Amino acid sequence: MLSKLRFDATLPKVHCSADRNLSTDQIALLASCNFIRQPQNVIITGATGCGKSFLACALGRHACQMGYKTLYLNMNRFIEKIAAAKLDGTYIRTLNQIEKTPLLILDDFGIQPLDQNLRLAIFQILEDRYAKKPIIIASQLPVPQWHEYLNEPTLADAILDRLTANAHRIELQGNSMRQLSNS
């Protein structure tokens, strides 16, 4: 089941090269969906326009084709969803729905500041999913800067421990794919 993926991306459309720091072997490994069965998170980082969201959506689409329900949320939508759930009394139900989804994709992590409620929501989601269901995170922010971004040392330690332990890390490099597609 496809869940509002941002791009009509497929794994064969993902450009692999040494310049991008992305190999066909990495894509083949993730295409097996073992990261879902084992469960292992996938962290995709890189500069604006380098294809992080495209790759996350391609992995999500492939997972859907392999029978894994996928929930895609960019951080703006995630923040809105959590805020609305807090207001209308569906917060626990919302967290439970997110926890039950086999694959969760959070895109544009690190763009907006997080308040304490959002940090706690992220922690709870990661706690619920830890060693049970994976998450794909796409972020412009390099992983070493996530602790500072989360801006709450104890909670940041707990979040990063659950996110990065046993995670596949892809650090995309190169020029903006948007610029290449417009030339």
C-alpha atoms as a PDB file:
ATOM      1  CA  MET A   1       0.000   0.000   0.000  1.00  0.00           C
ATOM      2  CA  LEU A   2       1.417   3.371  -1.020  1.00  0.00           C
ATOM      3  CA  SER A   3       1.046   6.132   1.494  1.00  0.00           C
ATOM      4  CA  LYS A   4       1.318   9.553  -0.148  1.00  0.00           C
ATOM      5  CA  LEU A   5       4.951   9.277  -1.166  1.00  0.00           C
ATOM      6  CA  ARG A   6       6.325  12.636  -2.221  1.00  0.00           C
ATOM      7  CA  PHE A   7       7.953  11.421  -5.448  1.00  0.00           C
ATOM      8  CA  ASP A   8       7.024   8.870  -8.078  1.00  0.00           C
ATOM      9  CA  ALA A   9      10.387   7.265  -7.435  1.00  0.00           C
ATOM     10  CA  THR A  10      11.508   3.730  -8.155  1.00  0.00           C
ATOM     11  CA  LEU A  11      14.799   2.055  -7.355  1.00  0.00           C
ATOM     12  CA  PRO A  12      15.824   1.732 -11.047  1.00  0.00           C
ATOM     13  CA  LYS A  13      15.499   5.550 -11.338  1.00  0.00           C
ATOM     14  CA  VAL A  14      17.976   6.100  -8.479  1.00  0.00           C
ATOM     15  CA  HIS A  15      21.306   7.296  -9.894  1.00  0.00           C
ATOM     16  CA  CYS A  16      24.199   5.346  -8.376  1.00  0.00           C
ATOM     17  CA  SER A  17      27.800   6.495  -8.750  1.00  0.00           C
ATOM     18  CA  ALA A  18      30.969   6.962  -6.752  1.00  0.00           C
ATOM     19  CA  ASP A  19      30.504  10.742  -7.104  1.00  0.00           C
ATOM     20  CA  ARG A  20      27.182  10.434  -5.272  1.00  0.00           C
ATOM     21  CA  ASN A  21      28.628   8.024  -2.696  1.00  0.00           C
ATOM     22  CA  LEU A  22      25.887   5.535  -3.597  1.00  0.00           C
ATOM     23  CA  SER A  23      26.539   2.112  -5.071  1.00  0.00           C
ATOM     24  CA  THR A  24      24.320  -0.398  -6.812  1.00  0.00           C
ATOM     25  CA  ASP A  25      25.370  -2.870  -4.089  1.00  0.00           C
ATOM     26  CA  GLN A  26      23.879  -0.587  -1.405  1.00  0.00           C
ATOM     27  CA  ILE A  27      20.641  -0.307  -3.388  1.00  0.00           C
ATOM     28  CA  ALA A  28      20.508  -4.072  -3.963  1.00  0.00           C
ATOM     29  CA  LEU A  29      21.014  -4.700  -0.244  1.00  0.00           C
ATOM     30  CA  LEU A  30      18.144  -2.365   0.662  1.00  0.00           C
ATOM     31  CA  ALA A  31      15.965  -3.692  -2.203  1.00  0.00           C
ATOM     32  CA  SER A  32      15.997  -7.111  -0.528  1.00  0.00           C
ATOM     33  CA  CYS A  33      13.883  -5.499   2.239  1.00  0.00           C
ATOM     34  CA  ASN A  34      15.962  -7.329   4.837  1.00  0.00           C
ATOM     35  CA  PHE A  35      16.231  -3.996   6.636  1.00  0.00           C
ATOM     36  CA  ILE A  36      12.467  -4.241   7.222  1.00  0.00           C
ATOM     37  CA  ARG A  37      12.507  -7.873   8.339  1.00  0.00           C
ATOM     38  CA  GLN A  38      15.551  -7.495  10.621  1.00  0.00           C
ATOM     39  CA  PRO A  39      14.515  -4.421  11.486  1.00  0.00           C
ATOM     40  CA  GLN A  40      17.215  -1.866  10.746  1.00  0.00           C
ATOM     41  CA  ASN A  41      16.775   1.857  10.259  1.00  0.00           C
ATOM     42  CA  VAL A  42      18.007   3.699   7.173  1.00  0.00           C
ATOM     43  CA  ILE A  43      19.497   7.176   7.567  1.00  0.00           C
ATOM     44  CA  ILE A  44      19.970   9.191   4.377  1.00  0.00           C
ATOM     45  CA  THR A  45      21.849  12.477   4.673  1.00  0.00           C
ATOM     46  CA  GLY A  46      23.209  14.998   2.197  1.00  0.00           C
ATOM     47  CA  ALA A  47      22.920  18.503   0.818  1.00  0.00           C
ATOM     48  CA  THR A  48      19.757  20.072  -0.541  1.00  0.00           C
ATOM     49  CA  GLY A  49      18.651  18.510  -3.802  1.00  0.00           C
ATOM     50  CA  CYS A  50      21.059  15.551  -3.766  1.00  0.00           C
ATOM     51  CA  GLY A  51      18.239  12.993  -3.901  1.00  0.00           C
ATOM     52  CA  LYS A  52      17.603  12.042  -0.255  1.00  0.00           C
ATOM     53  CA  SER A  53      13.820  12.286  -0.484  1.00  0.00           C
ATOM     54  CA  PHE A  54      13.797  10.606  -3.891  1.00  0.00           C
ATOM     55  CA  LEU A  55      15.784   7.661  -2.527  1.00  0.00           C
ATOM     56  CA  ALA A  56      13.565   7.434   0.572  1.00  0.00           C
ATOM     57  CA  CYS A  57      10.452   7.415  -1.641  1.00  0.00           C
ATOM     58  CA  ALA A  58      11.965   4.811  -3.979  1.00  0.00           C
ATOM     59  CA  LEU A  59      12.669   2.561  -0.982  1.00  0.00           C
ATOM     60  CA  GLY A  60       9.144   3.187   0.319  1.00  0.00           C
ATOM     61  CA  ARG A  61       7.541   2.378  -3.053  1.00  0.00           C
ATOM     62  CA  HIS A  62       9.617  -0.794  -3.335  1.00  0.00           C
ATOM     63  CA  ALA A  63       8.620  -1.824   0.194  1.00  0.00           C
ATOM     64  CA  CYS A  64       4.960  -1.296  -0.745  1.00  0.00           C
ATOM     65  CA  GLN A  65       5.419  -3.434  -3.856  1.00  0.00           C
ATOM     66  CA  MET A  66       6.926  -6.115  -1.628  1.00  0.00           C
ATOM     67  CA  GLY A  67       3.800  -6.017   0.571  1.00  0.00           C
ATOM     68  CA  TYR A  68       4.942  -3.730   3.399  1.00  0.00           C
ATOM     69  CA  LYS A  69       2.596  -0.906   4.320  1.00  0.00           C
ATOM     70  CA  THR A  70       4.535   2.343   4.388  1.00  0.00           C
ATOM     71  CA  LEU A  71       3.774   5.676   6.041  1.00  0.00           C
ATOM     72  CA  TYR A  72       5.544   8.710   4.562  1.00  0.00           C
ATOM     73  CA  LEU A  73       5.546  11.999   6.460  1.00  0.00           C
ATOM     74  CA  ASN A  74       7.700  15.028   5.894  1.00  0.00           C
ATOM     75  CA  MET A  75       8.519  16.739   9.173  1.00  0.00           C
ATOM     76  CA  ASN A  76       6.014  19.545   8.552  1.00  0.00           C
ATOM     77  CA  ARG A  77       3.192  17.000   8.220  1.00  0.00           C
ATOM     78  CA  PHE A  78       4.518  15.004  11.159  1.00  0.00           C
ATOM     79  CA  ILE A  79       4.511  18.126  13.352  1.00  0.00           C
ATOM     80  CA  GLU A  80       0.966  19.005  12.201  1.00  0.00           C
ATOM     81  CA  LYS A  81      -0.211  15.435  12.808  1.00  0.00           C
ATOM     82  CA  ILE A  82       1.178  15.363  16.363  1.00  0.00           C
ATOM     83  CA  ALA A  83      -0.165  18.838  17.197  1.00  0.00           C
ATOM     84  CA  ALA A  84      -3.650  17.976  15.869  1.00  0.00           C
ATOM     85  CA  ALA A  85      -3.673  14.663  17.749  1.00  0.00           C
ATOM     86  CA  LYS A  86      -2.759  16.445  20.985  1.00  0.00           C
ATOM     87  CA  LEU A  87      -5.605  18.931  20.463  1.00  0.00           C
ATOM     88  CA  ASP A  88      -8.337  16.483  19.468  1.00  0.00           C
ATOM     89  CA  GLY A  89      -7.508  13.783  22.004  1.00  0.00           C
ATOM     90  CA  THR A  90      -6.247  11.186  19.501  1.00  0.00           C
ATOM     91  CA  TYR A  91      -2.560  11.382  20.463  1.00  0.00           C
ATOM     92  CA  ILE A  92      -2.278   7.816  21.808  1.00  0.00           C
ATOM     93  CA  ARG A  93      -4.254   6.420  18.861  1.00  0.00           C
ATOM     94  CA  THR A  94      -2.001   8.328  16.437  1.00  0.00           C
ATOM     95  CA  LEU A  95       1.152   6.962  18.105  1.00  0.00           C
ATOM     96  CA  ASN A  96      -0.330   3.454  17.986  1.00  0.00           C
ATOM     97  CA  GLN A  97      -1.105   3.789  14.254  1.00  0.00           C
ATOM     98  CA  ILE A  98       2.441   4.953  13.554  1.00  0.00           C
ATOM     99  CA  GLU A  99       3.848   2.103  15.669  1.00  0.00           C
ATOM    100  CA  LYS A 100       1.831  -0.523  13.751  1.00  0.00           C
ATOM    101  CA  THR A 101       2.988   0.616  10.302  1.00  0.00           C
ATOM    102  CA  PRO A 102       5.748  -1.726   9.067  1.00  0.00           C
ATOM    103  CA  LEU A 103       7.841   1.073   7.501  1.00  0.00           C
ATOM    104  CA  LEU A 104       7.877   4.725   8.561  1.00  0.00           C
ATOM    105  CA  ILE A 105       9.599   7.413   6.486  1.00  0.00           C
ATOM    106  CA  LEU A 106      10.341  10.803   8.062  1.00  0.00           C
ATOM    107  CA  ASP A 107      11.596  13.257   5.467  1.00  0.00           C
ATOM    108  CA  ASP A 108      13.300  16.625   5.969  1.00  0.00           C
ATOM    109  CA  PHE A 109      14.353  15.799   9.533  1.00  0.00           C
ATOM    110  CA  GLY A 110      16.219  18.714  11.082  1.00  0.00           C
ATOM    111  CA  ILE A 111      14.691  21.572   9.110  1.00  0.00           C
ATOM    112  CA  GLN A 112      12.268  22.834  11.769  1.00  0.00           C
ATOM    113  CA  PRO A 113      12.988  23.330  15.461  1.00  0.00           C
ATOM    114  CA  LEU A 114      11.375  20.787  17.752  1.00  0.00           C
ATOM    115  CA  ASP A 115       9.641  21.652  20.998  1.00  0.00           C
ATOM    116  CA  GLN A 116       9.612  19.312  23.993  1.00  0.00           C
ATOM    117  CA  ASN A 117       6.297  17.702  22.956  1.00  0.00           C
ATOM    118  CA  LEU A 118       7.691  16.796  19.540  1.00  0.00           C
ATOM    119  CA  ARG A 119      10.951  15.471  20.976  1.00  0.00           C
ATOM    120  CA  LEU A 120       8.926  13.297  23.353  1.00  0.00           C
ATOM    121  CA  ALA A 121       6.673  12.119  20.504  1.00  0.00           C
ATOM    122  CA  ILE A 122       9.702  11.154  18.402  1.00  0.00           C
ATOM    123  CA  PHE A 123      11.225   9.360  21.380  1.00  0.00           C
ATOM    124  CA  GLN A 124       7.974   7.452  22.029  1.00  0.00           C
ATOM    125  CA  ILE A 125       7.668   6.430  18.380  1.00  0.00           C
ATOM    126  CA  LEU A 126      11.265   5.226  18.324  1.00  0.00           C
ATOM    127  CA  GLU A 127      10.806   3.413  21.630  1.00  0.00           C
ATOM    128  CA  ASP A 128       7.665   1.687  20.318  1.00  0.00           C
ATOM    129  CA  ARG A 129       9.366   0.680  17.060  1.00  0.00           C
ATOM    130  CA  TYR A 130      12.834  -0.184  18.423  1.00  0.00           C
ATOM    131  CA  ALA A 131      13.930  -3.683  17.345  1.00  0.00           C
ATOM    132  CA  LYS A 132      10.447  -4.240  15.850  1.00  0.00           C
ATOM    133  CA  LYS A 133       9.920  -1.942  12.865  1.00  0.00           C
ATOM    134  CA  PRO A 134      12.329   0.271  10.908  1.00  0.00           C
ATOM    135  CA  ILE A 135      12.274   3.931  10.081  1.00  0.00           C
ATOM    136  CA  ILE A 136      13.869   5.752   7.157  1.00  0.00           C
ATOM    137  CA  ILE A 137      15.045   9.266   7.950  1.00  0.00           C
ATOM    138  CA  ALA A 138      16.116  11.730   5.268  1.00  0.00           C
ATOM    139  CA  SER A 139      17.951  14.824   6.484  1.00  0.00           C
ATOM    140  CA  GLN A 140      20.139  17.654   5.250  1.00  0.00           C
ATOM    141  CA  LEU A 141      21.643  17.725   8.707  1.00  0.00           C
ATOM    142  CA  PRO A 142      24.651  15.406   9.169  1.00  0.00           C
ATOM    143  CA  VAL A 143      24.089  12.839  11.940  1.00  0.00           C
ATOM    144  CA  PRO A 144      26.814  14.363  14.203  1.00  0.00           C
ATOM    145  CA  GLN A 145      24.688  17.547  14.356  1.00  0.00           C
ATOM    146  CA  TRP A 146      21.470  15.768  15.382  1.00  0.00           C
ATOM    147  CA  HIS A 147      22.321  15.895  19.084  1.00  0.00           C
ATOM    148  CA  GLU A 148      22.564  19.680  18.966  1.00  0.00           C
ATOM    149  CA  TYR A 149      19.397  19.884  16.820  1.00  0.00           C
ATOM    150  CA  LEU A 150      17.403  17.863  19.347  1.00  0.00           C
ATOM    151  CA  ASN A 151      18.602  20.373  21.971  1.00  0.00           C
ATOM    152  CA  GLU A 152      17.866  18.291  25.064  1.00  0.00           C
ATOM    153  CA  PRO A 153      20.926  16.191  25.994  1.00  0.00           C
ATOM    154  CA  THR A 154      19.317  13.249  27.794  1.00  0.00           C
ATOM    155  CA  LEU A 155      16.470  12.884  25.319  1.00  0.00           C
ATOM    156  CA  ALA A 156      18.841  13.391  22.379  1.00  0.00           C
ATOM    157  CA  ASP A 157      21.028  10.533  23.669  1.00  0.00           C
ATOM    158  CA  ALA A 158      17.989   8.252  23.930  1.00  0.00           C
ATOM    159  CA  ILE A 159      16.646   9.219  20.483  1.00  0.00           C
ATOM    160  CA  LEU A 160      19.998   8.871  18.738  1.00  0.00           C
ATOM    161  CA  ASP A 161      20.726   5.559  20.424  1.00  0.00           C
ATOM    162  CA  ARG A 162      17.486   4.093  19.063  1.00  0.00           C
ATOM    163  CA  LEU A 163      17.863   5.676  15.623  1.00  0.00           C
ATOM    164  CA  THR A 164      21.494   4.998  14.846  1.00  0.00           C
ATOM    165  CA  ALA A 165      22.073   1.605  16.489  1.00  0.00           C
ATOM    166  CA  ASN A 166      22.265  -0.983  13.719  1.00  0.00           C
ATOM    167  CA  ALA A 167      21.289   1.559  11.025  1.00  0.00           C
ATOM    168  CA  HIS A 168      22.257   1.699   7.368  1.00  0.00           C
ATOM    169  CA  ARG A 169      23.780   5.114   6.717  1.00  0.00           C
ATOM    170  CA  ILE A 170      23.867   6.673   3.298  1.00  0.00           C
ATOM    171  CA  GLU A 171      25.636  10.024   2.986  1.00  0.00           C
ATOM    172  CA  LEU A 172      24.742  11.275  -0.482  1.00  0.00           C
ATOM    173  CA  GLN A 173      27.173  13.643  -2.146  1.00  0.00           C
ATOM    174  CA  GLY A 174      27.351  15.634  -5.340  1.00  0.00           C
ATOM    175  CA  ASN A 175      25.486  18.427  -7.036  1.00  0.00           C
ATOM    176  CA  SER A 176      21.777  19.057  -6.786  1.00  0.00           C
ATOM    177  CA  MET A 177      19.821  16.534  -8.845  1.00  0.00           C
ATOM    178  CA  ARG A 178      17.269  19.291  -9.449  1.00  0.00           C
ATOM    179  CA  GLN A 179      19.878  21.382 -11.261  1.00  0.00           C
ATOM    180  CA  LEU A 180      20.914  18.369 -13.348  1.00  0.00           C
ATOM    181  CA  SER A 181      17.321  17.588 -14.340  1.00  0.00           C
ATOM    182  CA  ASN A 182      16.710  21.215 -15.429  1.00  0.00           C
ATOM    183  CA  SER A 183      19.763  21.461 -17.683  1.00  0.00           C
END
